[in-house]
PDB file of all heavy atoms in Angstrom:
ATOM      1  N   GLY A   1       0.778  -1.260  -0.018  1.00  0.00           N
ATOM      2  CA  GLY A   1       0.011  -0.016  -0.021  1.00  0.00           C
ATOM      3  C   GLY A   1       0.830   1.264   0.008  1.00  0.00           C
ATOM      4  O   GLY A   1       0.364   2.354  -0.453  1.00  0.00           O
ATOM      5  N   VAL A   2       2.057   1.183   0.422  1.00  0.00           N
ATOM      6  CA  VAL A   2       2.932   2.378   0.488  1.00  0.00           C
ATOM      7  C   VAL A   2       3.265   2.891  -0.895  1.00  0.00           C
ATOM      8  O   VAL A   2       3.735   4.042  -1.063  1.00  0.00           O
ATOM      9  CB  VAL A   2       4.201   2.130   1.289  1.00  0.00           C
ATOM     10  CG1 VAL A   2       3.887   1.743   2.720  1.00  0.00           C
ATOM     11  CG2 VAL A   2       5.094   1.083   0.660  1.00  0.00           C
ATOM     12  N   GLY A   3       3.067   2.086  -1.950  1.00  0.00           N
ATOM     13  CA  GLY A   3       3.457   2.476  -3.293  1.00  0.00           C
ATOM     14  C   GLY A   3       2.327   3.197  -4.041  1.00  0.00           C
ATOM     15  O   GLY A   3       2.608   3.768  -5.133  1.00  0.00           O
ATOM     16  N   ALA A   4       1.145   3.261  -3.509  1.00  0.00           N
ATOM     17  CA  ALA A   4       0.019   3.834  -4.262  1.00  0.00           C
ATOM     18  C   ALA A   4       0.219   5.311  -4.609  1.00  0.00           C
ATOM     19  O   ALA A   4       0.066   5.723  -5.735  1.00  0.00           O
ATOM     20  CB  ALA A   4      -1.294   3.595  -3.518  1.00  0.00           C
ATOM     21  N   SER A   5       0.589   6.097  -3.606  1.00  0.00           N
ATOM     22  CA  SER A   5       0.764   7.516  -3.800  1.00  0.00           C
ATOM     23  C   SER A   5       1.935   7.792  -4.675  1.00  0.00           C
ATOM     24  O   SER A   5       1.878   8.689  -5.588  1.00  0.00           O
ATOM     25  CB  SER A   5       0.903   8.223  -2.466  1.00  0.00           C
ATOM     26  OG  SER A   5      -0.288   8.160  -1.720  1.00  0.00           O
ATOM     27  N   ALA A   6       3.039   7.090  -4.511  1.00  0.00           N
ATOM     28  CA  ALA A   6       4.206   7.356  -5.312  1.00  0.00           C
ATOM     29  C   ALA A   6       3.972   7.066  -6.765  1.00  0.00           C
ATOM     30  O   ALA A   6       4.357   7.841  -7.675  1.00  0.00           O
ATOM     31  CB  ALA A   6       5.394   6.532  -4.786  1.00  0.00           C
ATOM     32  N   GLY A   7       3.339   5.941  -7.031  1.00  0.00           N
ATOM     33  CA  GLY A   7       3.136   5.586  -8.465  1.00  0.00           C
ATOM     34  C   GLY A   7       2.074   6.397  -9.184  1.00  0.00           C
ATOM     35  O   GLY A   7       2.230   6.740 -10.307  1.00  0.00           O
ATOM     36  N   ALA A   8       1.011   6.746  -8.426  1.00  0.00           N
ATOM     37  CA  ALA A   8      -0.100   7.469  -9.101  1.00  0.00           C
ATOM     38  C   ALA A   8       0.112   8.970  -9.034  1.00  0.00           C
ATOM     39  O   ALA A   8      -0.497   9.698  -9.832  1.00  0.00           O
ATOM     40  CB  ALA A   8      -1.406   7.090  -8.400  1.00  0.00           C
ATOM     41  N   GLY A   9       0.895   9.462  -8.044  1.00  0.00           N
ATOM     42  CA  GLY A   9       1.088  10.900  -7.910  1.00  0.00           C
ATOM     43  C   GLY A   9      -0.068  11.592  -7.189  1.00  0.00           C
ATOM     44  O   GLY A   9      -0.222  12.821  -7.300  1.00  0.00           O
ATOM     45  N   VAL A  10      -0.753  10.839  -6.343  1.00  0.00           N
ATOM     46  CA  VAL A  10      -1.883  11.374  -5.571  1.00  0.00           C
ATOM     47  C   VAL A  10      -1.490  11.230  -4.083  1.00  0.00           C
ATOM     48  O   VAL A  10      -1.205  10.072  -3.643  1.00  0.00           O
ATOM     49  CB  VAL A  10      -3.202  10.667  -5.872  1.00  0.00           C
ATOM     50  CG1 VAL A  10      -4.343  11.177  -4.977  1.00  0.00           C
ATOM     51  CG2 VAL A  10      -3.589  10.877  -7.346  1.00  0.00           C
ATOM     52  N   PRO A  11      -1.499  12.294  -3.318  1.00  0.00           N
ATOM     53  CA  PRO A  11      -1.175  12.193  -1.885  1.00  0.00           C
ATOM     54  C   PRO A  11      -2.044  11.184  -1.126  1.00  0.00           C
ATOM     55  O   PRO A  11      -3.230  11.010  -1.409  1.00  0.00           O
ATOM     56  CB  PRO A  11      -1.360  13.603  -1.346  1.00  0.00           C
ATOM     57  CG  PRO A  11      -1.178  14.499  -2.524  1.00  0.00           C
ATOM     58  CD  PRO A  11      -1.723  13.702  -3.695  1.00  0.00           C
ATOM     59  N   ALA A  12      -1.424  10.496  -0.127  1.00  0.00           N
ATOM     60  CA  ALA A  12      -2.118   9.464   0.585  1.00  0.00           C
ATOM     61  C   ALA A  12      -3.356   9.933   1.312  1.00  0.00           C
ATOM     62  O   ALA A  12      -4.272   9.158   1.577  1.00  0.00           O
ATOM     63  CB  ALA A  12      -1.138   8.800   1.573  1.00  0.00           C
ATOM     64  N   LYS A  13      -3.413  11.216   1.673  1.00  0.00           N
ATOM     65  CA  LYS A  13      -4.550  11.750   2.381  1.00  0.00           C
ATOM     66  C   LYS A  13      -5.810  11.640   1.583  1.00  0.00           C
ATOM     67  O   LYS A  13      -6.963  11.792   2.144  1.00  0.00           O
ATOM     68  CB  LYS A  13      -4.298  13.182   2.825  1.00  0.00           C
ATOM     69  CG  LYS A  13      -4.283  14.204   1.722  1.00  0.00           C
ATOM     70  CD  LYS A  13      -4.002  15.591   2.283  1.00  0.00           C
ATOM     71  CE  LYS A  13      -4.012  16.676   1.193  1.00  0.00           C
ATOM     72  NZ  LYS A  13      -3.843  18.027   1.754  1.00  0.00           N
ATOM     73  N   HIS A  14      -5.745  11.453   0.257  1.00  0.00           N
ATOM     74  CA  HIS A  14      -6.935  11.349  -0.554  1.00  0.00           C
ATOM     75  C   HIS A  14      -7.400   9.891  -0.746  1.00  0.00           C
ATOM     76  O   HIS A  14      -8.356   9.659  -1.460  1.00  0.00           O
ATOM     77  CB  HIS A  14      -6.641  11.972  -1.910  1.00  0.00           C
ATOM     78  CG  HIS A  14      -6.310  13.423  -1.867  1.00  0.00           C
ATOM     79  ND1 HIS A  14      -7.178  14.398  -1.362  1.00  0.00           N
ATOM     80  CD2 HIS A  14      -5.213  14.097  -2.251  1.00  0.00           C
ATOM     81  CE1 HIS A  14      -6.633  15.559  -1.427  1.00  0.00           C
ATOM     82  NE2 HIS A  14      -5.432  15.440  -1.968  1.00  0.00           N
ATOM     83  N   ILE A  15      -6.678   8.959  -0.102  1.00  0.00           N
ATOM     84  CA  ILE A  15      -7.136   7.563  -0.186  1.00  0.00           C
ATOM     85  C   ILE A  15      -7.833   7.267   1.145  1.00  0.00           C
ATOM     86  O   ILE A  15      -7.211   7.180   2.216  1.00  0.00           O
ATOM     87  CB  ILE A  15      -5.929   6.604  -0.347  1.00  0.00           C
ATOM     88  CG1 ILE A  15      -5.217   6.981  -1.654  1.00  0.00           C
ATOM     89  CG2 ILE A  15      -6.401   5.185  -0.371  1.00  0.00           C
ATOM     90  CD1 ILE A  15      -3.962   6.149  -1.947  1.00  0.00           C
ATOM     91  N   ASP A  16      -9.162   7.109   1.080  1.00  0.00           N
ATOM     92  CA  ASP A  16      -9.965   6.951   2.289  1.00  0.00           C
ATOM     93  C   ASP A  16     -10.090   5.520   2.776  1.00  0.00           C
ATOM     94  O   ASP A  16     -10.434   5.289   3.945  1.00  0.00           O
ATOM     95  CB  ASP A  16     -11.359   7.499   2.048  1.00  0.00           C
ATOM     96  CG  ASP A  16     -11.323   8.949   1.565  1.00  0.00           C
ATOM     97  OD1 ASP A  16     -10.596   9.744   2.132  1.00  0.00           O
ATOM     98  OD2 ASP A  16     -12.055   9.247   0.591  1.00  0.00           O
ATOM     99  N   GLN A  17      -9.897   4.577   1.880  1.00  0.00           N
ATOM    100  CA  GLN A  17     -10.184   3.210   2.155  1.00  0.00           C
ATOM    101  C   GLN A  17      -9.185   2.315   1.470  1.00  0.00           C
ATOM    102  O   GLN A  17      -8.925   2.399   0.281  1.00  0.00           O
ATOM    103  CB  GLN A  17     -11.582   2.855   1.743  1.00  0.00           C
ATOM    104  CG  GLN A  17     -11.998   1.428   1.800  1.00  0.00           C
ATOM    105  CD  GLN A  17     -13.423   1.219   1.348  1.00  0.00           C
ATOM    106  OE1 GLN A  17     -14.307   1.038   2.154  1.00  0.00           O
ATOM    107  NE2 GLN A  17     -13.672   1.258   0.022  1.00  0.00           N
ATOM    108  N   VAL A  18      -8.562   1.364   2.180  1.00  0.00           N
ATOM    109  CA  VAL A  18      -7.631   0.417   1.620  1.00  0.00           C
ATOM    110  C   VAL A  18      -8.177  -0.968   1.871  1.00  0.00           C
ATOM    111  O   VAL A  18      -8.480  -1.377   3.015  1.00  0.00           O
ATOM    112  CB  VAL A  18      -6.232   0.553   2.196  1.00  0.00           C
ATOM    113  CG1 VAL A  18      -5.271  -0.464   1.564  1.00  0.00           C
ATOM    114  CG2 VAL A  18      -5.696   1.959   1.997  1.00  0.00           C
ATOM    115  N   ILE A  19      -8.357  -1.702   0.763  1.00  0.00           N
ATOM    116  CA  ILE A  19      -8.905  -3.070   0.843  1.00  0.00           C
ATOM    117  C   ILE A  19      -7.761  -4.053   0.598  1.00  0.00           C
ATOM    118  O   ILE A  19      -7.155  -4.015  -0.527  1.00  0.00           O
ATOM    119  CB  ILE A  19     -10.040  -3.284  -0.166  1.00  0.00           C
ATOM    120  CG1 ILE A  19     -11.152  -2.242   0.007  1.00  0.00           C
ATOM    121  CG2 ILE A  19     -10.591  -4.667  -0.097  1.00  0.00           C
ATOM    122  CD1 ILE A  19     -11.690  -1.680  -1.268  1.00  0.00           C
ATOM    123  N   GLY A  20      -7.471  -4.861   1.562  1.00  0.00           N
ATOM    124  CA  GLY A  20      -6.439  -5.883   1.400  1.00  0.00           C
ATOM    125  C   GLY A  20      -7.000  -7.160   0.907  1.00  0.00           C
ATOM    126  O   GLY A  20      -8.020  -7.659   1.370  1.00  0.00           O
ATOM    127  N   VAL A  21      -6.377  -7.766  -0.135  1.00  0.00           N
ATOM    128  CA  VAL A  21      -6.876  -8.962  -0.772  1.00  0.00           C
ATOM    129  C   VAL A  21      -5.959 -10.131  -0.498  1.00  0.00           C
ATOM    130  O   VAL A  21      -4.762 -10.048  -0.737  1.00  0.00           O
ATOM    131  CB  VAL A  21      -7.031  -8.769  -2.278  1.00  0.00           C
ATOM    132  CG1 VAL A  21      -7.761  -9.971  -2.908  1.00  0.00           C
ATOM    133  CG2 VAL A  21      -7.812  -7.482  -2.613  1.00  0.00           C
ATOM    134  N   ALA A  22      -6.557 -11.232  -0.028  1.00  0.00           N
ATOM    135  CA  ALA A  22      -5.744 -12.421   0.246  1.00  0.00           C
ATOM    136  C   ALA A  22      -6.606 -13.664  -0.169  1.00  0.00           C
ATOM    137  O   ALA A  22      -7.838 -13.687   0.009  1.00  0.00           O
ATOM    138  CB  ALA A  22      -5.395 -12.508   1.710  1.00  0.00           C
ATOM    139  N   LYS A  23      -5.918 -14.667  -0.650  1.00  0.00           N
ATOM    140  CA  LYS A  23      -6.591 -15.959  -0.853  1.00  0.00           C
ATOM    141  C   LYS A  23      -6.809 -16.597   0.515  1.00  0.00           C
ATOM    142  O   LYS A  23      -6.143 -16.276   1.472  1.00  0.00           O
ATOM    143  CB  LYS A  23      -5.688 -16.920  -1.684  1.00  0.00           C
ATOM    144  CG  LYS A  23      -5.662 -16.534  -3.166  1.00  0.00           C
ATOM    145  CD  LYS A  23      -4.729 -17.424  -3.919  1.00  0.00           C
ATOM    146  CE  LYS A  23      -4.739 -17.123  -5.409  1.00  0.00           C
ATOM    147  NZ  LYS A  23      -3.636 -17.818  -6.115  1.00  0.00           N
ATOM    148  N   ALA A  24      -7.723 -17.549   0.508  1.00  0.00           N
ATOM    149  CA  ALA A  24      -8.000 -18.344   1.747  1.00  0.00           C
ATOM    150  C   ALA A  24      -6.876 -19.287   2.007  1.00  0.00           C
ATOM    151  O   ALA A  24      -6.902 -20.007   3.036  1.00  0.00           O
ATOM    152  CB  ALA A  24      -9.330 -19.027   1.617  1.00  0.00           C
ATOM    153  N   TYR A  25      -5.919 -19.388   1.114  1.00  0.00           N
ATOM    154  CA  TYR A  25      -4.701 -20.214   1.309  1.00  0.00           C
ATOM    155  C   TYR A  25      -3.583 -19.378   0.757  1.00  0.00           C
ATOM    156  O   TYR A  25      -3.743 -18.182   0.594  1.00  0.00           O
ATOM    157  CB  TYR A  25      -4.859 -21.535   0.561  1.00  0.00           C
ATOM    158  CG  TYR A  25      -5.342 -21.439  -0.882  1.00  0.00           C
ATOM    159  CD1 TYR A  25      -4.405 -21.454  -1.913  1.00  0.00           C
ATOM    160  CD2 TYR A  25      -6.656 -21.307  -1.189  1.00  0.00           C
ATOM    161  CE1 TYR A  25      -4.818 -21.302  -3.217  1.00  0.00           C
ATOM    162  CE2 TYR A  25      -7.094 -21.171  -2.499  1.00  0.00           C
ATOM    163  CZ  TYR A  25      -6.195 -21.156  -3.516  1.00  0.00           C
ATOM    164  OH  TYR A  25      -6.595 -21.058  -4.831  1.00  0.00           O
ATOM    165  N   SER A  26      -2.429 -19.947   0.481  1.00  0.00           N
ATOM    166  CA  SER A  26      -1.267 -19.165  -0.007  1.00  0.00           C
ATOM    167  C   SER A  26      -0.742 -19.748  -1.299  1.00  0.00           C
ATOM    168  O   SER A  26      -0.768 -20.974  -1.498  1.00  0.00           O
ATOM    169  CB  SER A  26      -0.129 -19.144   1.029  1.00  0.00           C
ATOM    170  OG  SER A  26      -0.544 -18.622   2.268  1.00  0.00           O
ATOM    171  N   THR A  27      -0.232 -18.877  -2.162  1.00  0.00           N
ATOM    172  CA  THR A  27       0.455 -19.316  -3.346  1.00  0.00           C
ATOM    173  C   THR A  27       1.664 -18.439  -3.614  1.00  0.00           C
ATOM    174  O   THR A  27       1.721 -17.311  -3.168  1.00  0.00           O
ATOM    175  CB  THR A  27      -0.434 -19.306  -4.635  1.00  0.00           C
ATOM    176  OG1 THR A  27      -0.828 -17.969  -4.923  1.00  0.00           O
ATOM    177  CG2 THR A  27      -1.663 -20.179  -4.474  1.00  0.00           C
ATOM    178  N   ARG A  28       2.616 -18.953  -4.409  1.00  0.00           N
ATOM    179  CA  ARG A  28       3.749 -18.180  -4.815  1.00  0.00           C
ATOM    180  C   ARG A  28       4.249 -18.730  -6.154  1.00  0.00           C
ATOM    181  O   ARG A  28       4.169 -19.903  -6.413  1.00  0.00           O
ATOM    182  CB  ARG A  28       4.845 -18.209  -3.765  1.00  0.00           C
ATOM    183  CG  ARG A  28       6.096 -17.417  -4.176  1.00  0.00           C
ATOM    184  CD  ARG A  28       7.026 -17.094  -3.072  1.00  0.00           C
ATOM    185  NE  ARG A  28       7.944 -16.029  -3.511  1.00  0.00           N
ATOM    186  CZ  ARG A  28       8.755 -15.347  -2.742  1.00  0.00           C
ATOM    187  NH1 ARG A  28       8.837 -15.625  -1.476  1.00  0.00           N
ATOM    188  NH2 ARG A  28       9.467 -14.416  -3.265  1.00  0.00           N
ATOM    189  N   VAL A  29       4.763 -17.810  -7.025  1.00  0.00           N
ATOM    190  CA  VAL A  29       5.375 -18.225  -8.310  1.00  0.00           C
ATOM    191  C   VAL A  29       6.835 -17.792  -8.256  1.00  0.00           C
ATOM    192  O   VAL A  29       7.159 -16.708  -7.746  1.00  0.00           O
ATOM    193  CB  VAL A  29       4.670 -17.550  -9.481  1.00  0.00           C
ATOM    194  CG1 VAL A  29       5.445 -17.834 -10.766  1.00  0.00           C
ATOM    195  CG2 VAL A  29       3.254 -18.120  -9.613  1.00  0.00           C
ATOM    196  N   GLY A  30       7.707 -18.612  -8.779  1.00  0.00           N
ATOM    197  CA  GLY A  30       9.150 -18.253  -8.803  1.00  0.00           C
ATOM    198  C   GLY A  30       9.875 -18.652  -7.540  1.00  0.00           C
ATOM    199  O   GLY A  30       9.311 -19.368  -6.665  1.00  0.00           O
ATOM    200  N   GLY A  31      11.070 -18.128  -7.390  1.00  0.00           N
ATOM    201  CA  GLY A  31      11.894 -18.503  -6.268  1.00  0.00           C
ATOM    202  C   GLY A  31      11.570 -17.701  -5.000  1.00  0.00           C
ATOM    203  O   GLY A  31      10.751 -16.824  -5.062  1.00  0.00           O
ATOM    204  N   GLY A  32      12.250 -18.062  -3.933  1.00  0.00           N
ATOM    205  CA  GLY A  32      12.051 -17.305  -2.691  1.00  0.00           C
ATOM    206  C   GLY A  32      11.421 -18.159  -1.613  1.00  0.00           C
ATOM    207  O   GLY A  32      10.826 -19.214  -1.854  1.00  0.00           O
ATOM    208  N   PRO A  33      11.550 -17.736  -0.355  1.00  0.00           N
ATOM    209  CA  PRO A  33      10.996 -18.480   0.777  1.00  0.00           C
ATOM    210  C   PRO A  33       9.511 -18.491   0.818  1.00  0.00           C
ATOM    211  O   PRO A  33       8.865 -17.552   0.399  1.00  0.00           O
ATOM    212  CB  PRO A  33      11.578 -17.759   1.996  1.00  0.00           C
ATOM    213  CG  PRO A  33      11.802 -16.361   1.492  1.00  0.00           C
ATOM    214  CD  PRO A  33      12.245 -16.522   0.074  1.00  0.00           C
ATOM    215  N   PHE A  34       8.933 -19.575   1.304  1.00  0.00           N
ATOM    216  CA  PHE A  34       7.481 -19.769   1.370  1.00  0.00           C
ATOM    217  C   PHE A  34       7.203 -20.669   2.564  1.00  0.00           C
ATOM    218  O   PHE A  34       7.166 -21.877   2.461  1.00  0.00           O
ATOM    219  CB  PHE A  34       7.011 -20.396   0.075  1.00  0.00           C
ATOM    220  CG  PHE A  34       5.526 -20.596  -0.125  1.00  0.00           C
ATOM    221  CD1 PHE A  34       5.031 -21.079  -1.301  1.00  0.00           C
ATOM    222  CD2 PHE A  34       4.628 -20.260   0.890  1.00  0.00           C
ATOM    223  CE1 PHE A  34       3.692 -21.249  -1.501  1.00  0.00           C
ATOM    224  CE2 PHE A  34       3.279 -20.396   0.707  1.00  0.00           C
ATOM    225  CZ  PHE A  34       2.788 -20.964  -0.503  1.00  0.00           C
ATOM    226  N   PRO A  35       7.052 -20.102   3.790  1.00  0.00           N
ATOM    227  CA  PRO A  35       7.010 -20.909   5.021  1.00  0.00           C
ATOM    228  C   PRO A  35       5.958 -21.971   5.045  1.00  0.00           C
ATOM    229  O   PRO A  35       6.181 -23.043   5.619  1.00  0.00           O
ATOM    230  CB  PRO A  35       6.782 -19.863   6.106  1.00  0.00           C
ATOM    231  CG  PRO A  35       7.382 -18.577   5.559  1.00  0.00           C
ATOM    232  CD  PRO A  35       7.103 -18.648   4.065  1.00  0.00           C
ATOM    233  N   THR A  36       4.796 -21.757   4.449  1.00  0.00           N
ATOM    234  CA  THR A  36       3.682 -22.711   4.556  1.00  0.00           C
ATOM    235  C   THR A  36       3.546 -23.593   3.385  1.00  0.00           C
ATOM    236  O   THR A  36       2.512 -24.254   3.181  1.00  0.00           O
ATOM    237  CB  THR A  36       2.350 -22.012   4.898  1.00  0.00           C
ATOM    238  OG1 THR A  36       1.974 -21.230   3.756  1.00  0.00           O
ATOM    239  CG2 THR A  36       2.466 -21.145   6.117  1.00  0.00           C
ATOM    240  N   GLU A  37       4.570 -23.636   2.461  1.00  0.00           N
ATOM    241  CA  GLU A  37       4.470 -24.382   1.226  1.00  0.00           C
ATOM    242  C   GLU A  37       4.211 -25.852   1.513  1.00  0.00           C
ATOM    243  O   GLU A  37       4.805 -26.443   2.410  1.00  0.00           O
ATOM    244  CB  GLU A  37       5.695 -24.194   0.404  1.00  0.00           C
ATOM    245  CG  GLU A  37       5.610 -24.865  -0.963  1.00  0.00           C
ATOM    246  CD  GLU A  37       6.781 -24.499  -1.866  1.00  0.00           C
ATOM    247  OE1 GLU A  37       7.744 -23.902  -1.394  1.00  0.00           O
ATOM    248  OE2 GLU A  37       6.720 -24.862  -3.065  1.00  0.00           O
TER     249      GLU A  37
END
């Protein structure tokens, strides 16, 4: 969420609501750690 203002050029004070999206389980593509794999 910290990237929204920087990428769009709109100050964070104008974002009233942030919706976080997650699957009911976990997935990953590519390399890197994945504790619950």
